[in-house]
Protein backbone atom coordinates (compact mmCIF):
# COMPACT_ATOMS: atom_id res chain seq x y z
CA MET A 1 18.97 -34.63 -42.38
CA TYR A 2 18.53 -34.33 -38.90
CA ASP A 3 19.12 -32.23 -35.88
CA GLU A 4 22.76 -33.55 -34.16
CA GLU A 5 22.09 -31.94 -30.72
CA ASP A 6 18.46 -33.38 -30.64
CA PRO A 7 18.87 -37.27 -31.55
CA SER A 8 15.26 -37.67 -31.00
CA THR A 9 14.55 -36.11 -34.40
CA MET A 10 15.53 -39.26 -35.91
CA ILE A 11 13.60 -42.02 -35.22
CA PRO A 12 14.69 -45.65 -37.17
CA ILE A 13 11.65 -47.96 -37.51
CA LEU A 14 12.77 -51.55 -38.82
CA ASP A 15 10.17 -53.94 -40.80
CA GLY A 16 11.69 -57.23 -41.48
CA GLY A 17 11.20 -60.59 -43.55
CA THR A 18 12.91 -63.56 -45.12
CA GLU A 19 14.05 -61.69 -48.17
CA GLY A 20 14.99 -58.21 -46.75
CA VAL A 21 14.61 -55.54 -44.51
CA LEU A 22 12.97 -52.41 -44.89
CA ILE A 23 14.63 -49.31 -42.88
CA VAL A 24 12.57 -46.44 -42.26
CA PHE A 25 14.31 -43.44 -40.87
CA ILE A 26 12.01 -40.41 -39.76
CA THR A 27 13.14 -36.85 -39.41
CA THR A 28 11.06 -33.74 -38.42
CA THR A 29 10.99 -32.83 -42.08
CA GLN A 30 11.18 -36.20 -44.34
CA GLU A 31 11.03 -39.88 -43.71
CA ILE A 32 13.93 -41.44 -45.67
CA TYR A 33 13.70 -45.34 -46.35
CA HIS A 34 16.69 -47.91 -46.77
CA ASP A 35 15.07 -50.73 -48.83
CA ASN A 36 17.26 -54.23 -49.22
CA LEU A 37 16.75 -57.40 -50.90
CA VAL A 38 18.52 -60.84 -51.61
CA THR A 39 17.67 -63.65 -54.10
CA GLY A 40 20.29 -66.13 -53.90
CA PHE A 41 23.22 -64.86 -55.26
CA LYS A 42 21.93 -61.47 -56.11
CA GLY A 43 21.20 -58.77 -53.74
CA GLN A 44 20.29 -54.94 -53.75
CA SER A 45 20.62 -52.17 -51.25
CA ARG A 46 18.84 -48.70 -52.22
CA ILE A 47 17.96 -45.66 -50.51
CA ILE A 48 14.38 -44.01 -51.01
CA VAL A 49 13.35 -40.70 -50.40
CA PRO A 50 9.72 -40.09 -51.11
CA ARG A 51 8.47 -37.61 -53.68
CA LYS A 52 12.04 -37.05 -54.80
CA THR A 53 13.81 -40.08 -55.68
CA ALA A 54 12.36 -43.21 -57.45
CA CYS A 55 9.72 -45.34 -55.29
CA TYR A 56 9.57 -48.92 -55.25
CA GLU A 57 7.19 -49.28 -57.72
CA CYS A 58 9.34 -47.84 -60.36
CA SER A 59 11.53 -50.80 -59.98
CA LEU A 60 9.31 -53.75 -60.36
CA ASP A 61 10.14 -54.19 -63.84
CA MET A 62 13.79 -54.95 -62.45
CA GLN A 63 12.80 -57.46 -60.10
CA THR A 64 13.88 -61.34 -60.63
CA LYS A 65 11.07 -63.40 -62.34
CA PRO A 66 9.72 -66.52 -61.10
CA THR A 67 11.48 -69.76 -62.79
CA THR A 68 9.10 -71.09 -65.40
CA PHE A 69 9.62 -74.25 -67.76
CA PRO A 70 7.74 -74.56 -71.34
CA ILE A 71 5.07 -77.27 -70.69
CA CYS A 72 5.88 -78.59 -73.95
CA THR A 73 9.57 -79.62 -72.33
CA ILE A 74 7.83 -80.74 -69.36
CA ALA A 75 5.68 -83.20 -71.13
CA ASN A 76 7.42 -84.59 -73.95
CA THR A 77 11.61 -83.82 -73.44
CA PRO A 78 12.50 -83.17 -69.74
CA ARG A 79 16.30 -82.75 -69.14
CA LEU A 80 16.47 -81.27 -65.55
CA PRO A 81 14.92 -82.72 -62.45
CA GLU A 82 12.90 -79.68 -61.87
CA HIS A 83 10.99 -80.64 -65.10
CA CYS A 84 10.06 -83.82 -63.62
CA ILE A 85 8.75 -82.32 -60.67
CA GLU A 86 7.16 -79.83 -62.82
CA TRP A 87 5.27 -82.85 -64.34
CA ALA A 88 4.22 -84.06 -61.71
CA SER A 89 2.97 -81.34 -60.23
CA VAL A 90 1.30 -79.60 -62.85
CA ILE A 91 0.37 -82.44 -65.07
CA GLN A 92 -0.31 -85.26 -63.02
CA TRP A 93 -1.22 -83.81 -59.56
CA PRO A 94 -4.32 -82.24 -61.28
CA LYS A 95 -5.19 -86.06 -63.09
CA ILE A 96 -5.12 -88.23 -59.68
CA PHE A 97 -6.37 -85.35 -57.35
CA PRO A 98 -8.15 -83.07 -59.49
CA ASP A 99 -10.09 -81.60 -56.25
CA THR A 100 -7.25 -81.02 -54.19
CA LYS A 101 -4.76 -77.82 -54.39
CA ILE A 102 -1.09 -78.97 -54.02
CA ASP A 103 0.06 -77.79 -50.14
CA GLY A 104 3.70 -77.39 -50.24
CA ASP A 105 3.91 -77.57 -46.54
CA ASP A 106 2.25 -81.03 -46.31
CA PRO A 107 4.72 -83.52 -46.05
CA GLN A 108 2.36 -86.24 -48.08
CA HIS A 109 1.86 -84.00 -50.80
CA ILE A 110 5.39 -83.44 -51.15
CA LYS A 111 6.14 -86.93 -50.70
CA TRP A 112 3.39 -87.82 -53.57
CA LEU A 113 4.99 -85.73 -55.71
CA LEU A 114 8.71 -86.77 -54.94
CA ASP A 115 7.72 -90.52 -55.85
CA THR A 116 6.45 -89.47 -59.12
CA ALA A 117 9.07 -87.31 -60.53
CA THR A 118 11.37 -89.74 -59.59
CA ILE A 119 9.75 -92.17 -61.82
CA ARG A 120 9.47 -90.11 -64.31
CA ALA A 121 12.92 -88.92 -64.17
CA ASN A 122 14.48 -92.48 -64.10
CA GLU A 123 12.71 -92.75 -67.29
CA PHE A 124 15.04 -90.30 -68.78
CA ASN A 125 18.13 -90.93 -67.27
CA ILE A 126 17.89 -87.68 -64.51
CA ASN A 127 19.26 -87.39 -61.66
CA GLY A 128 18.61 -85.11 -58.81
CA VAL A 129 15.39 -85.31 -57.79
CA THR A 130 15.02 -85.00 -53.79
CA TYR A 131 12.86 -83.60 -51.79
CA SER A 132 14.18 -80.94 -50.71
CA LEU A 133 14.12 -79.71 -54.60
CA THR A 134 10.65 -80.95 -55.14
CA GLN A 135 9.37 -78.74 -52.23
CA GLY A 136 11.64 -75.48 -53.37
CA VAL A 137 9.79 -75.88 -56.92
CA VAL A 138 6.41 -76.38 -55.67
CA LYS A 139 6.75 -73.47 -53.53
CA ASN A 140 9.13 -71.35 -55.62
CA ILE A 141 12.00 -71.33 -52.59
CA ILE A 142 15.50 -69.48 -53.81
CA PRO A 143 18.43 -70.78 -51.50
CA ALA A 144 19.79 -68.52 -49.13
CA ILE A 145 23.31 -67.42 -49.51
CA ALA A 146 25.26 -66.78 -46.73
CA SER A 147 28.10 -64.33 -48.57
CA THR A 148 25.04 -62.31 -50.41
CA ASN A 149 22.93 -61.89 -46.92
CA ALA A 150 26.51 -60.60 -45.12
CA ILE A 151 27.24 -58.43 -48.57
CA ILE A 152 23.48 -56.74 -47.86
CA ALA A 153 23.40 -56.56 -44.65
CA ALA A 154 26.87 -54.77 -44.43
CA SER A 155 25.43 -51.83 -47.30
CA CYS A 156 22.28 -51.99 -44.85
CA ALA A 157 24.37 -51.17 -41.91
CA ASN A 158 27.09 -48.68 -43.63
CA GLU A 159 23.70 -46.47 -45.07
CA ALA A 160 22.29 -46.48 -41.61
CA PHE A 161 25.40 -45.34 -40.05
CA LYS A 162 25.52 -42.82 -42.41
CA LEU A 163 22.07 -41.89 -42.23
CA LEU A 164 22.27 -41.67 -38.16
CA SER A 165 25.56 -39.84 -38.17
CA ASN A 166 25.71 -37.58 -41.12
CA CYS A 167 29.35 -38.51 -41.65
CA ALA A 168 28.88 -38.96 -45.61
CA GLU A 169 26.69 -38.99 -48.77
CA THR A 170 24.58 -42.11 -48.73
CA ILE A 171 24.45 -43.98 -51.97
CA ASP A 172 22.48 -42.37 -54.85
CA ASN A 173 20.19 -44.17 -54.69
CA TYR A 174 20.33 -48.11 -56.08
CA MET A 175 23.34 -50.78 -55.26
CA MET A 176 23.12 -54.22 -57.24
CA TYR A 177 25.42 -56.73 -56.43
CA ALA A 178 25.39 -60.00 -58.70
CA GLY A 179 27.96 -63.23 -57.50
CA ASP A 180 26.55 -65.76 -59.74
CA SER A 181 29.16 -65.68 -62.04
CA GLY A 182 32.19 -63.18 -59.59
CA VAL A 183 31.66 -60.57 -57.38
CA TYR A 184 30.09 -57.45 -58.99
CA THR A 185 28.38 -54.26 -57.45
CA TYR A 186 27.31 -51.63 -59.27
CA THR A 187 25.84 -48.22 -58.43
CA PHE A 188 23.67 -45.90 -60.02
CA GLN A 189 20.64 -43.34 -60.04
CA LEU A 190 17.28 -45.12 -60.54
CA ASP A 191 15.29 -42.52 -62.25
CA LYS A 192 11.77 -42.01 -61.20
CA LYS A 193 8.97 -43.02 -64.06
CA PRO A 194 6.74 -40.34 -64.57
CA ASN A 195 3.53 -42.34 -65.15
CA CYS A 196 4.15 -44.18 -61.76
CA THR A 197 1.07 -44.63 -60.14
CA VAL A 198 2.74 -44.27 -56.37
CA CYS A 199 5.24 -41.25 -56.97
CA GLY A 200 4.42 -39.56 -60.10
CA SER A 201 2.41 -36.81 -60.91
CA SER A 202 0.40 -38.58 -63.92
CA HIS A 203 -3.36 -39.88 -62.91
CA ILE A 204 -5.81 -41.83 -64.42
CA LYS A 205 -9.31 -41.17 -65.33
CA ILE A 206 -11.70 -44.35 -65.14
CA GLU A 207 -15.26 -44.35 -65.97
CA ILE A 208 -17.24 -47.08 -64.11
CA ASP A 209 -20.65 -48.38 -63.46
CA PRO A 210 -21.82 -47.26 -60.05
CA ARG A 211 -23.36 -50.29 -59.58
CA LYS A 212 -20.48 -52.36 -60.35
CA THR A 213 -18.59 -53.67 -57.20
CA LEU A 214 -15.23 -53.44 -55.51
CA GLU A 215 -14.37 -56.58 -56.97
CA ASP A 216 -15.15 -55.17 -60.34
CA LEU A 217 -13.09 -52.46 -60.02
CA ILE A 218 -9.88 -54.59 -59.08
CA ASP A 219 -10.72 -56.60 -62.40
CA LEU A 220 -11.00 -53.35 -64.32
CA LEU A 221 -7.40 -52.12 -62.73
CA ILE A 222 -5.85 -55.60 -63.47
CA ASP A 223 -6.95 -55.63 -66.63
CA MET A 224 -5.64 -52.07 -68.03
CA PRO A 225 -2.78 -52.00 -69.76
CA GLY A 226 0.61 -50.89 -68.45
């Protein structure tokens, strides 16, 4: 993938965040992306070769969806501390503070939600409403698991070493890990989507009034099926 006699032909670039790290290896002929993600007890490690393998957009439907609760359960039959917190934030907060949006980083907001959810929980004999859980539900925080981070980090280091040294083939092209019910990994080839708007060859023709604004175009794209 690069000239072993000239190390300058391989340039790694790191772009990290709280949930994962994107490593970009730039050679004289090809960019190679190593993407990884950790979500609680689950994680992934994958190799993306632009125009050759599935891109990030191709796998969006595989991503973990945010946890939601039925409004009827929240309002009438709460069973979990999360239900009580949702009741406080979704139902009670708009009634008491109709013109104020909840700030998950404001201690006063979280304290009010905690007190309100605790009262609700006591009415239904539910335990477990805490400050950290309240903030986690409001901000949709997924706890970081050290073992998951370690496994995905090891995969990152391993794939980076293979890319830099040419000692072995990289994964082809998607490795998923699930640790919520044991230790399970599975590597498979994620296929490109033919109709992918990023890496696919298909195109979409859109007709729009030239007097429309950019915001109108964005709304149109959001409302389009698929």
